[in-house]
Amino acid sequence: MTTQARGGRPLNILLVRVSSLGDVLHNLPMVADIARHFPDANIDWVVEEGFVSLVQLNPRVRTIIPFALRRWRKSLGKPETRAEIKAFFRTLRAQAYDVVFDTQGLLKTGVIMGAARVVKGGRKVGMANGSEGSGYEGISRIFHTVSVPTDPRTHAVARGRLVAAAALGYPSDDIANHPADFGLAPLPADTPRPDWMPPAYTVFFHGTARDAKKWSPENWIALGRALAAEPDPMPVLLPWGSPKEKAEAEQLAASLPNARLLPRLSMADAVLLARRADLVVGVDTGLTHIAAAFVRPTVEIYADSPRWKTEGNWSPRIINLGDTGTPPPVDQVLAAARSLLAGR
């Protein structure tokens, strides 16, 4: 295996993973793996503009190319939108790559891969199949020069890592010897705390787009009251991302003695909320997984999604409870929270 392209220059590699928040996060360990085997590689990334601030936290990513389909599709007829789309493709094609990876497997990501330029002999690598229950679109394979098969029950983090190993020629068992490294830069010591952030806190990531994945309000209230009765209790912060989630957070705040409803946060502030938390309890949603990636003390609650697919399995500071159709009871979550708080 060579660590450089022909002529001795560093490899140029493009990752295409545009959404969603949790999926972008789970793709980050590909960067650490590639950099470990190809330390001089230049790694670029195409991502939805709303998630640029997350990818920016990984200093090994050289260039981030924002993709704004969610916004563009609302105004495709406007000249300024068409100009933005043309500018995106110009930026995408400015660099010729040795390898382009599409680890999302959708038609839209396949089109991006198809439009990217590769050097002579360069490859466009994607997944030969999706995971159980994923939104994989087989038509995306028409843009591949190499399609890598994975077991349909492969963890979301391992999937991208295995595709990269197969394409770049390093052993797949290397992954087992290196826990997932998200490459997230340490928070500078002088980073100020926003006015809404207390010195110590618990955060409940209660909201998620699919109602079936939620934990019941009664459970959150019982958990919050039990934590408030603990010695030296911390305030419980309640974030929200939509009017519906705000109403749900208001309901919880009204029933909990030490809860605080947060203002609407930017993506960067939501990530900061997760990375500084002393305890996180959350459902299967992107911000819960971000807390786990920062190895904050995190209880992940699964109610209507398979735990094997996204559970935080890289640190004993992450406790995963429940599974599809079997949300955990309050006493299990409380016991897990107490065990994590005991290690503070």
C-alpha atoms as a PDB file:
ATOM      1  CA  MET A   1       0.000   0.000   0.000  1.00  0.00           C
ATOM      2  CA  THR A   2       1.351   3.408  -0.945  1.00  0.00           C
ATOM      3  CA  THR A   3       0.694   6.481   1.159  1.00  0.00           C
ATOM      4  CA  GLN A   4       0.946   8.795  -1.844  1.00  0.00           C
ATOM      5  CA  ALA A   5      -0.406   9.173  -5.353  1.00  0.00           C
ATOM      6  CA  ARG A   6       1.748   8.738  -8.433  1.00  0.00           C
ATOM      7  CA  GLY A   7       4.550  11.250  -8.607  1.00  0.00           C
ATOM      8  CA  GLY A   8       4.901  11.326  -4.836  1.00  0.00           C
ATOM      9  CA  ARG A   9       2.177  13.905  -4.213  1.00  0.00           C
ATOM     10  CA  PRO A  10      -0.329  13.467  -1.350  1.00  0.00           C
ATOM     11  CA  LEU A  11      -3.627  11.782  -2.123  1.00  0.00           C
ATOM     12  CA  ASN A  12      -6.645  14.034  -2.664  1.00  0.00           C
ATOM     13  CA  ILE A  13      -9.797  12.469  -1.243  1.00  0.00           C
ATOM     14  CA  LEU A  14     -13.393  13.735  -1.276  1.00  0.00           C
ATOM     15  CA  LEU A  15     -16.097  12.549   1.121  1.00  0.00           C
ATOM     16  CA  VAL A  16     -19.731  13.037   0.111  1.00  0.00           C
ATOM     17  CA  ARG A  17     -22.033  12.788   3.115  1.00  0.00           C
ATOM     18  CA  VAL A  18     -24.505  15.626   3.093  1.00  0.00           C
ATOM     19  CA  SER A  19     -27.034  14.812   5.823  1.00  0.00           C
ATOM     20  CA  SER A  20     -28.492  14.270   8.373  1.00  0.00           C
ATOM     21  CA  LEU A  21     -26.835  15.496  11.574  1.00  0.00           C
ATOM     22  CA  GLY A  22     -26.286  12.070  13.117  1.00  0.00           C
ATOM     23  CA  ASP A  23     -25.236  10.518   9.808  1.00  0.00           C
ATOM     24  CA  VAL A  24     -22.665  13.253   9.154  1.00  0.00           C
ATOM     25  CA  LEU A  25     -21.315  12.764  12.664  1.00  0.00           C
ATOM     26  CA  HIS A  26     -21.055   8.995  12.220  1.00  0.00           C
ATOM     27  CA  ASN A  27     -19.034   9.508   9.043  1.00  0.00           C
ATOM     28  CA  LEU A  28     -16.304  11.510  10.828  1.00  0.00           C
ATOM     29  CA  PRO A  29     -14.230   8.487  11.977  1.00  0.00           C
ATOM     30  CA  MET A  30     -13.455   7.791   8.302  1.00  0.00           C
ATOM     31  CA  VAL A  31     -11.261  10.883   8.417  1.00  0.00           C
ATOM     32  CA  ALA A  32      -9.153   9.624  11.323  1.00  0.00           C
ATOM     33  CA  ASP A  33      -8.732   6.210   9.702  1.00  0.00           C
ATOM     34  CA  ILE A  34      -7.658   7.670   6.371  1.00  0.00           C
ATOM     35  CA  ALA A  35      -5.283  10.113   8.081  1.00  0.00           C
ATOM     36  CA  ARG A  36      -3.723   7.321  10.143  1.00  0.00           C
ATOM     37  CA  HIS A  37      -2.803   5.375   7.002  1.00  0.00           C
ATOM     38  CA  PHE A  38      -2.285   8.363   4.677  1.00  0.00           C
ATOM     39  CA  PRO A  39      -0.999  11.124   6.971  1.00  0.00           C
ATOM     40  CA  ASP A  40      -0.342  13.540   4.101  1.00  0.00           C
ATOM     41  CA  ALA A  41      -3.730  13.065   2.419  1.00  0.00           C
ATOM     42  CA  ASN A  42      -5.868  16.089   1.642  1.00  0.00           C
ATOM     43  CA  ILE A  43      -9.435  15.299   2.707  1.00  0.00           C
ATOM     44  CA  ASP A  44     -12.343  17.443   1.510  1.00  0.00           C
ATOM     45  CA  TRP A  45     -16.051  17.034   2.340  1.00  0.00           C
ATOM     46  CA  VAL A  46     -19.376  17.930   0.707  1.00  0.00           C
ATOM     47  CA  VAL A  47     -22.057  18.515   3.365  1.00  0.00           C
ATOM     48  CA  GLU A  48     -25.404  20.305   3.757  1.00  0.00           C
ATOM     49  CA  GLU A  49     -24.738  23.912   4.712  1.00  0.00           C
ATOM     50  CA  GLY A  50     -26.489  23.506   8.069  1.00  0.00           C
ATOM     51  CA  PHE A  51     -23.918  20.939   9.195  1.00  0.00           C
ATOM     52  CA  VAL A  52     -20.773  22.784   8.102  1.00  0.00           C
ATOM     53  CA  SER A  53     -20.094  23.908  11.688  1.00  0.00           C
ATOM     54  CA  LEU A  54     -19.949  20.260  12.806  1.00  0.00           C
ATOM     55  CA  VAL A  55     -17.460  19.164  10.141  1.00  0.00           C
ATOM     56  CA  GLN A  56     -15.378  22.282  10.875  1.00  0.00           C
ATOM     57  CA  LEU A  57     -14.642  20.816  14.309  1.00  0.00           C
ATOM     58  CA  ASN A  58     -12.437  18.195  12.635  1.00  0.00           C
ATOM     59  CA  PRO A  59      -9.136  19.915  11.767  1.00  0.00           C
ATOM     60  CA  ARG A  60      -8.120  17.071   9.423  1.00  0.00           C
ATOM     61  CA  VAL A  61     -10.752  18.140   6.882  1.00  0.00           C
ATOM     62  CA  ARG A  62      -9.029  20.545   4.501  1.00  0.00           C
ATOM     63  CA  THR A  63     -11.931  22.043   2.550  1.00  0.00           C
ATOM     64  CA  ILE A  64     -15.666  21.896   3.249  1.00  0.00           C
ATOM     65  CA  ILE A  65     -17.931  22.362   0.233  1.00  0.00           C
ATOM     66  CA  PRO A  66     -21.401  23.471   1.405  1.00  0.00           C
ATOM     67  CA  PHE A  67     -24.392  21.912  -0.354  1.00  0.00           C
ATOM     68  CA  ALA A  68     -27.734  23.696   0.081  1.00  0.00           C
ATOM     69  CA  LEU A  69     -30.359  21.482  -1.564  1.00  0.00           C
ATOM     70  CA  ARG A  70     -32.774  21.937   1.347  1.00  0.00           C
ATOM     71  CA  ARG A  71     -32.781  25.683   0.698  1.00  0.00           C
ATOM     72  CA  TRP A  72     -32.351  25.601  -3.090  1.00  0.00           C
ATOM     73  CA  ARG A  73     -35.377  23.404  -3.718  1.00  0.00           C
ATOM     74  CA  LYS A  74     -37.616  26.143  -2.287  1.00  0.00           C
ATOM     75  CA  SER A  75     -36.516  28.678  -4.904  1.00  0.00           C
ATOM     76  CA  LEU A  76     -35.234  26.803  -7.959  1.00  0.00           C
ATOM     77  CA  GLY A  77     -36.790  29.377 -10.290  1.00  0.00           C
ATOM     78  CA  LYS A  78     -34.818  32.307  -8.889  1.00  0.00           C
ATOM     79  CA  PRO A  79     -31.699  33.448 -10.777  1.00  0.00           C
ATOM     80  CA  GLU A  80     -29.711  33.786  -7.553  1.00  0.00           C
ATOM     81  CA  THR A  81     -30.472  30.161  -6.638  1.00  0.00           C
ATOM     82  CA  ARG A  82     -29.384  28.916 -10.050  1.00  0.00           C
ATOM     83  CA  ALA A  83     -26.213  30.983  -9.701  1.00  0.00           C
ATOM     84  CA  GLU A  84     -25.495  29.368  -6.320  1.00  0.00           C
ATOM     85  CA  ILE A  85     -25.968  25.898  -7.786  1.00  0.00           C
ATOM     86  CA  LYS A  86     -23.559  26.692 -10.646  1.00  0.00           C
ATOM     87  CA  ALA A  87     -21.039  28.031  -8.145  1.00  0.00           C
ATOM     88  CA  PHE A  88     -21.349  24.840  -6.086  1.00  0.00           C
ATOM     89  CA  PHE A  89     -20.512  22.662  -9.084  1.00  0.00           C
ATOM     90  CA  ARG A  90     -17.619  24.934 -10.049  1.00  0.00           C
ATOM     91  CA  THR A  91     -16.163  24.563  -6.559  1.00  0.00           C
ATOM     92  CA  LEU A  92     -16.799  20.813  -6.582  1.00  0.00           C
ATOM     93  CA  ARG A  93     -14.915  20.408  -9.858  1.00  0.00           C
ATOM     94  CA  ALA A  94     -12.024  22.739  -9.038  1.00  0.00           C
ATOM     95  CA  GLN A  95      -9.993  19.844  -7.601  1.00  0.00           C
ATOM     96  CA  ALA A  96      -9.396  16.479  -9.298  1.00  0.00           C
ATOM     97  CA  TYR A  97      -9.471  13.669  -6.714  1.00  0.00           C
ATOM     98  CA  ASP A  98      -7.770  10.310  -6.439  1.00  0.00           C
ATOM     99  CA  VAL A  99     -10.765   8.844  -4.599  1.00  0.00           C
ATOM    100  CA  VAL A 100     -14.317  10.136  -4.156  1.00  0.00           C
ATOM    101  CA  PHE A 101     -16.439   8.413  -1.499  1.00  0.00           C
ATOM    102  CA  ASP A 102     -20.240   8.479  -1.342  1.00  0.00           C
ATOM    103  CA  THR A 103     -21.213   6.844   1.942  1.00  0.00           C
ATOM    104  CA  GLN A 104     -24.844   7.980   1.879  1.00  0.00           C
ATOM    105  CA  GLY A 105     -26.020   6.018  -1.148  1.00  0.00           C
ATOM    106  CA  LEU A 106     -28.751   8.328  -2.416  1.00  0.00           C
ATOM    107  CA  LEU A 107     -29.453   9.579  -5.921  1.00  0.00           C
ATOM    108  CA  LYS A 108     -28.593  13.149  -4.880  1.00  0.00           C
ATOM    109  CA  THR A 109     -25.231  12.108  -3.407  1.00  0.00           C
ATOM    110  CA  GLY A 110     -24.571   9.937  -6.432  1.00  0.00           C
ATOM    111  CA  VAL A 111     -25.111  12.956  -8.690  1.00  0.00           C
ATOM    112  CA  ILE A 112     -22.561  14.896  -6.629  1.00  0.00           C
ATOM    113  CA  MET A 113     -20.119  12.004  -6.935  1.00  0.00           C
ATOM    114  CA  GLY A 114     -20.779  11.817 -10.670  1.00  0.00           C
ATOM    115  CA  ALA A 115     -20.039  15.514 -11.097  1.00  0.00           C
ATOM    116  CA  ALA A 116     -16.780  15.411  -9.114  1.00  0.00           C
ATOM    117  CA  ARG A 117     -13.557  15.171 -11.123  1.00  0.00           C
ATOM    118  CA  VAL A 118     -11.018  12.395 -10.640  1.00  0.00           C
ATOM    119  CA  VAL A 119      -7.459  12.085 -11.870  1.00  0.00           C
ATOM    120  CA  LYS A 120      -6.576   9.484 -14.473  1.00  0.00           C
ATOM    121  CA  GLY A 121      -7.057   6.158 -12.741  1.00  0.00           C
ATOM    122  CA  GLY A 122      -9.058   7.794  -9.932  1.00  0.00           C
ATOM    123  CA  ARG A 123     -12.006   5.980  -8.398  1.00  0.00           C
ATOM    124  CA  LYS A 124     -15.513   6.778  -7.265  1.00  0.00           C
ATOM    125  CA  VAL A 125     -16.370   4.484  -4.383  1.00  0.00           C
ATOM    126  CA  GLY A 126     -19.760   3.847  -2.824  1.00  0.00           C
ATOM    127  CA  MET A 127     -21.798   1.246  -0.995  1.00  0.00           C
ATOM    128  CA  ALA A 128     -23.046  -1.816  -2.851  1.00  0.00           C
ATOM    129  CA  ASN A 129     -26.006  -2.058  -0.467  1.00  0.00           C
ATOM    130  CA  GLY A 130     -27.641  -0.242   2.415  1.00  0.00           C
ATOM    131  CA  SER A 131     -28.283  -1.180   6.024  1.00  0.00           C
ATOM    132  CA  GLU A 132     -31.545  -2.686   7.221  1.00  0.00           C
ATOM    133  CA  GLY A 133     -34.172   0.046   7.264  1.00  0.00           C
ATOM    134  CA  SER A 134     -31.946   2.642   5.584  1.00  0.00           C
ATOM    135  CA  GLY A 135     -32.978   4.986   2.790  1.00  0.00           C
ATOM    136  CA  TYR A 136     -30.349   3.549   0.442  1.00  0.00           C
ATOM    137  CA  GLU A 137     -31.151   4.055  -3.256  1.00  0.00           C
ATOM    138  CA  GLY A 138     -29.646   1.421  -5.508  1.00  0.00           C
ATOM    139  CA  ILE A 139     -29.636   3.766  -8.500  1.00  0.00           C
ATOM    140  CA  SER A 140     -26.719   5.585  -6.812  1.00  0.00           C
ATOM    141  CA  ARG A 141     -24.454   2.715  -7.929  1.00  0.00           C
ATOM    142  CA  ILE A 142     -24.485   3.952 -11.530  1.00  0.00           C
ATOM    143  CA  PHE A 143     -22.042   6.667 -10.428  1.00  0.00           C
ATOM    144  CA  HIS A 144     -19.571   4.220  -8.822  1.00  0.00           C
ATOM    145  CA  THR A 145     -16.438   2.735 -10.262  1.00  0.00           C
ATOM    146  CA  VAL A 146     -16.188   0.571  -7.119  1.00  0.00           C
ATOM    147  CA  SER A 147     -19.133  -0.639  -5.004  1.00  0.00           C
ATOM    148  CA  VAL A 148     -18.228  -2.060  -1.593  1.00  0.00           C
ATOM    149  CA  PRO A 149     -20.642  -4.544   0.040  1.00  0.00           C
ATOM    150  CA  THR A 150     -21.231  -4.436   3.799  1.00  0.00           C
ATOM    151  CA  ASP A 151     -23.301  -6.581   6.122  1.00  0.00           C
ATOM    152  CA  PRO A 152     -26.853  -5.139   6.319  1.00  0.00           C
ATOM    153  CA  ARG A 153     -26.451  -4.984  10.105  1.00  0.00           C
ATOM    154  CA  THR A 154     -23.258  -2.951  10.128  1.00  0.00           C
ATOM    155  CA  HIS A 155     -23.109  -0.124  12.691  1.00  0.00           C
ATOM    156  CA  ALA A 156     -23.457   3.364  11.190  1.00  0.00           C
ATOM    157  CA  VAL A 157     -19.911   4.322  12.229  1.00  0.00           C
ATOM    158  CA  ALA A 158     -18.302   1.089  11.045  1.00  0.00           C
ATOM    159  CA  ARG A 159     -19.951   1.199   7.622  1.00  0.00           C
ATOM    160  CA  GLY A 160     -18.013   4.194   6.306  1.00  0.00           C
ATOM    161  CA  ARG A 161     -14.829   2.962   7.948  1.00  0.00           C
ATOM    162  CA  LEU A 162     -15.140  -0.426   6.219  1.00  0.00           C
ATOM    163  CA  VAL A 163     -15.809   1.181   2.831  1.00  0.00           C
ATOM    164  CA  ALA A 164     -12.684   3.327   3.188  1.00  0.00           C
ATOM    165  CA  ALA A 165     -10.549   0.351   4.259  1.00  0.00           C
ATOM    166  CA  ALA A 166     -11.698  -1.728   1.290  1.00  0.00           C
ATOM    167  CA  ALA A 167     -11.077   1.073  -1.193  1.00  0.00           C
ATOM    168  CA  LEU A 168      -7.733   2.265   0.168  1.00  0.00           C
ATOM    169  CA  GLY A 169      -6.226  -1.135   0.888  1.00  0.00           C
ATOM    170  CA  TYR A 170      -5.689  -1.211   4.618  1.00  0.00           C
ATOM    171  CA  PRO A 171      -6.954  -4.162   6.716  1.00  0.00           C
ATOM    172  CA  SER A 172     -10.560  -4.004   7.857  1.00  0.00           C
ATOM    173  CA  ASP A 173      -9.571  -5.598  11.178  1.00  0.00           C
ATOM    174  CA  ASP A 174      -7.574  -2.418  11.814  1.00  0.00           C
ATOM    175  CA  ILE A 175     -10.930  -0.887  12.698  1.00  0.00           C
ATOM    176  CA  ALA A 176     -11.422  -3.270  15.617  1.00  0.00           C
ATOM    177  CA  ASN A 177      -8.030  -2.224  17.005  1.00  0.00           C
ATOM    178  CA  HIS A 178      -8.885   1.486  16.907  1.00  0.00           C
ATOM    179  CA  PRO A 179     -12.082   2.726  18.591  1.00  0.00           C
ATOM    180  CA  ALA A 180     -14.023   5.305  16.631  1.00  0.00           C
ATOM    181  CA  ASP A 181     -12.121   8.601  16.599  1.00  0.00           C
ATOM    182  CA  PHE A 182     -14.341  11.502  15.568  1.00  0.00           C
ATOM    183  CA  GLY A 183     -11.345  13.839  15.374  1.00  0.00           C
ATOM    184  CA  LEU A 184     -13.177  16.628  17.173  1.00  0.00           C
ATOM    185  CA  ALA A 185     -10.786  19.346  18.239  1.00  0.00           C
ATOM    186  CA  PRO A 186     -10.592  20.129  21.980  1.00  0.00           C
ATOM    187  CA  LEU A 187     -12.554  23.129  23.141  1.00  0.00           C
ATOM    188  CA  PRO A 188     -10.188  26.068  23.760  1.00  0.00           C
ATOM    189  CA  ALA A 189      -9.920  26.789  27.479  1.00  0.00           C
ATOM    190  CA  ASP A 190     -10.921  30.416  27.004  1.00  0.00           C
ATOM    191  CA  THR A 191     -14.159  29.625  25.127  1.00  0.00           C
ATOM    192  CA  PRO A 192     -16.823  31.800  26.799  1.00  0.00           C
ATOM    193  CA  ARG A 193     -20.033  30.330  28.122  1.00  0.00           C
ATOM    194  CA  PRO A 194     -23.212  31.767  26.612  1.00  0.00           C
ATOM    195  CA  ASP A 195     -25.543  33.511  29.058  1.00  0.00           C
ATOM    196  CA  TRP A 196     -27.941  30.568  28.964  1.00  0.00           C
ATOM    197  CA  MET A 197     -25.292  27.985  29.943  1.00  0.00           C
ATOM    198  CA  PRO A 198     -24.735  27.393  33.696  1.00  0.00           C
ATOM    199  CA  PRO A 199     -21.383  26.105  35.046  1.00  0.00           C
ATOM    200  CA  ALA A 200     -22.749  22.553  35.448  1.00  0.00           C
ATOM    201  CA  TYR A 201     -25.879  21.047  33.958  1.00  0.00           C
ATOM    202  CA  THR A 202     -27.819  18.058  32.701  1.00  0.00           C
ATOM    203  CA  VAL A 203     -29.412  18.241  29.265  1.00  0.00           C
ATOM    204  CA  PHE A 204     -32.454  16.297  28.100  1.00  0.00           C
ATOM    205  CA  PHE A 205     -32.449  15.789  24.334  1.00  0.00           C
ATOM    206  CA  HIS A 206     -36.131  14.916  24.284  1.00  0.00           C
ATOM    207  CA  GLY A 207     -37.029  15.989  20.740  1.00  0.00           C
ATOM    208  CA  THR A 208     -36.723  14.089  17.496  1.00  0.00           C
ATOM    209  CA  ALA A 209     -38.425  14.256  14.126  1.00  0.00           C
ATOM    210  CA  ARG A 210     -40.253  10.940  14.436  1.00  0.00           C
ATOM    211  CA  ASP A 211     -42.755  10.730  17.296  1.00  0.00           C
ATOM    212  CA  ALA A 212     -42.334   6.971  17.697  1.00  0.00           C
ATOM    213  CA  LYS A 213     -38.691   7.498  18.721  1.00  0.00           C
ATOM    214  CA  LYS A 214     -39.655   9.774  21.615  1.00  0.00           C
ATOM    215  CA  TRP A 215     -39.761   8.867  25.302  1.00  0.00           C
ATOM    216  CA  SER A 216     -43.047   9.801  26.960  1.00  0.00           C
ATOM    217  CA  PRO A 217     -43.400  13.156  28.775  1.00  0.00           C
ATOM    218  CA  GLU A 218     -44.369  11.231  31.923  1.00  0.00           C
ATOM    219  CA  ASN A 219     -41.030   9.420  31.815  1.00  0.00           C
ATOM    220  CA  TRP A 220     -39.042  12.630  31.355  1.00  0.00           C
ATOM    221  CA  ILE A 221     -40.905  14.271  34.243  1.00  0.00           C
ATOM    222  CA  ALA A 222     -40.340  11.283  36.551  1.00  0.00           C
ATOM    223  CA  LEU A 223     -36.649  11.204  35.655  1.00  0.00           C
ATOM    224  CA  GLY A 224     -36.245  14.953  36.100  1.00  0.00           C
ATOM    225  CA  ARG A 225     -37.921  14.943  39.498  1.00  0.00           C
ATOM    226  CA  ALA A 226     -35.745  12.044  40.663  1.00  0.00           C
ATOM    227  CA  LEU A 227     -32.582  13.835  39.538  1.00  0.00           C
ATOM    228  CA  ALA A 228     -33.745  17.025  41.282  1.00  0.00           C
ATOM    229  CA  ALA A 229     -33.941  15.039  44.525  1.00  0.00           C
ATOM    230  CA  GLU A 230     -30.322  13.882  44.242  1.00  0.00           C
ATOM    231  CA  PRO A 231     -27.650  15.488  46.447  1.00  0.00           C
ATOM    232  CA  ASP A 232     -26.248  18.602  44.751  1.00  0.00           C
ATOM    233  CA  PRO A 233     -28.678  18.518  41.808  1.00  0.00           C
ATOM    234  CA  MET A 234     -27.836  20.259  38.559  1.00  0.00           C
ATOM    235  CA  PRO A 235     -30.266  22.295  36.463  1.00  0.00           C
ATOM    236  CA  VAL A 236     -31.840  20.424  33.565  1.00  0.00           C
ATOM    237  CA  LEU A 237     -31.614  22.287  30.254  1.00  0.00           C
ATOM    238  CA  LEU A 238     -34.343  21.717  27.674  1.00  0.00           C
ATOM    239  CA  PRO A 239     -33.440  22.559  24.062  1.00  0.00           C
ATOM    240  CA  TRP A 240     -35.854  22.549  21.152  1.00  0.00           C
ATOM    241  CA  GLY A 241     -35.671  22.887  17.387  1.00  0.00           C
ATOM    242  CA  SER A 242     -39.252  23.410  16.196  1.00  0.00           C
ATOM    243  CA  PRO A 243     -42.488  24.950  17.526  1.00  0.00           C
ATOM    244  CA  LYS A 244     -43.746  21.457  18.367  1.00  0.00           C
ATOM    245  CA  GLU A 245     -40.585  20.621  20.315  1.00  0.00           C
ATOM    246  CA  LYS A 246     -40.776  23.985  22.082  1.00  0.00           C
ATOM    247  CA  ALA A 247     -44.299  23.207  23.267  1.00  0.00           C
ATOM    248  CA  GLU A 248     -43.115  19.821  24.512  1.00  0.00           C
ATOM    249  CA  ALA A 249     -40.172  21.438  26.306  1.00  0.00           C
ATOM    250  CA  GLU A 250     -42.496  23.997  27.909  1.00  0.00           C
ATOM    251  CA  GLN A 251     -44.658  21.145  29.189  1.00  0.00           C
ATOM    252  CA  LEU A 252     -41.632  19.474  30.776  1.00  0.00           C
ATOM    253  CA  ALA A 253     -40.313  22.719  32.237  1.00  0.00           C
ATOM    254  CA  ALA A 254     -43.648  23.446  33.896  1.00  0.00           C
ATOM    255  CA  SER A 255     -43.491  20.095  35.701  1.00  0.00           C
ATOM    256  CA  LEU A 256     -39.844  20.038  36.771  1.00  0.00           C
ATOM    257  CA  PRO A 257     -38.475  22.034  39.718  1.00  0.00           C
ATOM    258  CA  ASN A 258     -35.037  22.720  38.240  1.00  0.00           C
ATOM    259  CA  ALA A 259     -35.598  22.763  34.474  1.00  0.00           C
ATOM    260  CA  ARG A 260     -34.741  25.666  32.172  1.00  0.00           C
ATOM    261  CA  LEU A 261     -36.232  26.179  28.741  1.00  0.00           C
ATOM    262  CA  LEU A 262     -33.468  27.264  26.383  1.00  0.00           C
ATOM    263  CA  PRO A 263     -33.746  29.831  23.606  1.00  0.00           C
ATOM    264  CA  ARG A 264     -33.632  28.526  20.056  1.00  0.00           C
ATOM    265  CA  LEU A 265     -29.999  27.599  19.450  1.00  0.00           C
ATOM    266  CA  SER A 266     -27.865  27.725  16.341  1.00  0.00           C
ATOM    267  CA  MET A 267     -26.257  24.466  15.258  1.00  0.00           C
ATOM    268  CA  ALA A 268     -22.925  25.640  16.673  1.00  0.00           C
ATOM    269  CA  ASP A 269     -24.510  26.459  20.048  1.00  0.00           C
ATOM    270  CA  ALA A 270     -26.410  23.153  20.110  1.00  0.00           C
ATOM    271  CA  VAL A 271     -23.113  21.320  19.598  1.00  0.00           C
ATOM    272  CA  LEU A 272     -21.548  23.408  22.380  1.00  0.00           C
ATOM    273  CA  LEU A 273     -24.479  22.467  24.635  1.00  0.00           C
ATOM    274  CA  ALA A 274     -23.781  18.774  24.007  1.00  0.00           C
ATOM    275  CA  ARG A 275     -19.998  18.941  24.379  1.00  0.00           C
ATOM    276  CA  ARG A 276     -20.034  20.774  27.733  1.00  0.00           C
ATOM    277  CA  ALA A 277     -22.829  18.835  29.434  1.00  0.00           C
ATOM    278  CA  ASP A 278     -22.091  17.062  32.709  1.00  0.00           C
ATOM    279  CA  LEU A 279     -24.852  14.561  31.948  1.00  0.00           C
ATOM    280  CA  VAL A 280     -26.825  13.942  28.778  1.00  0.00           C
ATOM    281  CA  VAL A 281     -29.994  11.899  28.535  1.00  0.00           C
ATOM    282  CA  GLY A 282     -31.419  11.726  25.052  1.00  0.00           C
ATOM    283  CA  VAL A 283     -33.378   9.772  22.526  1.00  0.00           C
ATOM    284  CA  ASP A 284     -31.914   8.456  19.265  1.00  0.00           C
ATOM    285  CA  THR A 285     -31.206  11.806  17.659  1.00  0.00           C
ATOM    286  CA  GLY A 286     -28.221  13.688  16.282  1.00  0.00           C
ATOM    287  CA  LEU A 287     -27.424  15.840  19.320  1.00  0.00           C
ATOM    288  CA  THR A 288     -27.437  12.818  21.639  1.00  0.00           C
ATOM    289  CA  HIS A 289     -24.945  11.144  19.318  1.00  0.00           C
ATOM    290  CA  ILE A 290     -22.817  14.308  19.276  1.00  0.00           C
ATOM    291  CA  ALA A 291     -22.618  14.208  23.087  1.00  0.00           C
ATOM    292  CA  ALA A 292     -21.525  10.576  22.822  1.00  0.00           C
ATOM    293  CA  ALA A 293     -18.908  11.496  20.206  1.00  0.00           C
ATOM    294  CA  PHE A 294     -17.452  14.011  22.654  1.00  0.00           C
ATOM    295  CA  VAL A 295     -17.533  11.183  25.233  1.00  0.00           C
ATOM    296  CA  ARG A 296     -19.729  13.146  27.607  1.00  0.00           C
ATOM    297  CA  PRO A 297     -21.568  11.019  30.205  1.00  0.00           C
ATOM    298  CA  THR A 298     -24.506  10.019  28.008  1.00  0.00           C
ATOM    299  CA  VAL A 299     -27.569   7.808  28.372  1.00  0.00           C
ATOM    300  CA  GLU A 300     -28.948   6.957  24.937  1.00  0.00           C
ATOM    301  CA  ILE A 301     -32.634   5.944  24.887  1.00  0.00           C
ATOM    302  CA  TYR A 302     -33.930   3.745  22.071  1.00  0.00           C
ATOM    303  CA  ALA A 303     -37.688   3.397  21.685  1.00  0.00           C
ATOM    304  CA  ASP A 304     -38.469   2.745  18.017  1.00  0.00           C
ATOM    305  CA  SER A 305     -35.122   2.360  16.274  1.00  0.00           C
ATOM    306  CA  PRO A 306     -32.582  -0.478  16.329  1.00  0.00           C
ATOM    307  CA  ARG A 307     -29.905   0.046  18.940  1.00  0.00           C
ATOM    308  CA  TRP A 308     -27.262  -1.885  16.972  1.00  0.00           C
ATOM    309  CA  LYS A 309     -27.355   0.734  14.242  1.00  0.00           C
ATOM    310  CA  THR A 310     -26.162   3.851  16.095  1.00  0.00           C
ATOM    311  CA  GLU A 311     -25.420   3.023  19.749  1.00  0.00           C
ATOM    312  CA  GLY A 312     -22.391   4.705  21.265  1.00  0.00           C
ATOM    313  CA  ASN A 313     -20.080   1.716  21.658  1.00  0.00           C
ATOM    314  CA  TRP A 314     -16.689   3.429  21.960  1.00  0.00           C
ATOM    315  CA  SER A 315     -16.660   4.428  25.635  1.00  0.00           C
ATOM    316  CA  PRO A 316     -17.953   3.167  29.017  1.00  0.00           C
ATOM    317  CA  ARG A 317     -19.211   6.731  29.592  1.00  0.00           C
ATOM    318  CA  ILE A 318     -22.026   5.986  27.129  1.00  0.00           C
ATOM    319  CA  ILE A 319     -24.883   3.748  28.288  1.00  0.00           C
ATOM    320  CA  ASN A 320     -27.392   2.529  25.692  1.00  0.00           C
ATOM    321  CA  LEU A 321     -30.853   1.443  26.828  1.00  0.00           C
ATOM    322  CA  GLY A 322     -33.963   0.139  25.077  1.00  0.00           C
ATOM    323  CA  ASP A 323     -34.460  -1.034  21.522  1.00  0.00           C
ATOM    324  CA  THR A 324     -37.054  -1.101  18.778  1.00  0.00           C
ATOM    325  CA  GLY A 325     -40.464  -1.361  20.433  1.00  0.00           C
ATOM    326  CA  THR A 326     -39.013  -1.640  23.948  1.00  0.00           C
ATOM    327  CA  PRO A 327     -38.241   1.792  25.424  1.00  0.00           C
ATOM    328  CA  PRO A 328     -36.452   1.564  28.776  1.00  0.00           C
ATOM    329  CA  PRO A 329     -38.363   2.220  32.009  1.00  0.00           C
ATOM    330  CA  VAL A 330     -37.546   5.229  34.158  1.00  0.00           C
ATOM    331  CA  ASP A 331     -35.762   3.213  36.839  1.00  0.00           C
ATOM    332  CA  GLN A 332     -33.242   1.861  34.287  1.00  0.00           C
ATOM    333  CA  VAL A 333     -32.495   5.316  32.929  1.00  0.00           C
ATOM    334  CA  LEU A 334     -32.204   6.765  36.439  1.00  0.00           C
ATOM    335  CA  ALA A 335     -29.797   3.991  37.489  1.00  0.00           C
ATOM    336  CA  ALA A 336     -27.673   4.639  34.402  1.00  0.00           C
ATOM    337  CA  ALA A 337     -27.644   8.394  35.064  1.00  0.00           C
ATOM    338  CA  ARG A 338     -26.632   7.839  38.671  1.00  0.00           C
ATOM    339  CA  SER A 339     -23.782   5.546  37.666  1.00  0.00           C
ATOM    340  CA  LEU A 340     -22.443   8.179  35.250  1.00  0.00           C
ATOM    341  CA  LEU A 341     -22.803  10.977  37.799  1.00  0.00           C
ATOM    342  CA  ALA A 342     -20.873   8.891  40.331  1.00  0.00           C
ATOM    343  CA  GLY A 343     -17.889   9.078  38.009  1.00  0.00           C
ATOM    344  CA  ARG A 344     -17.884  12.897  37.788  1.00  0.00           C
END
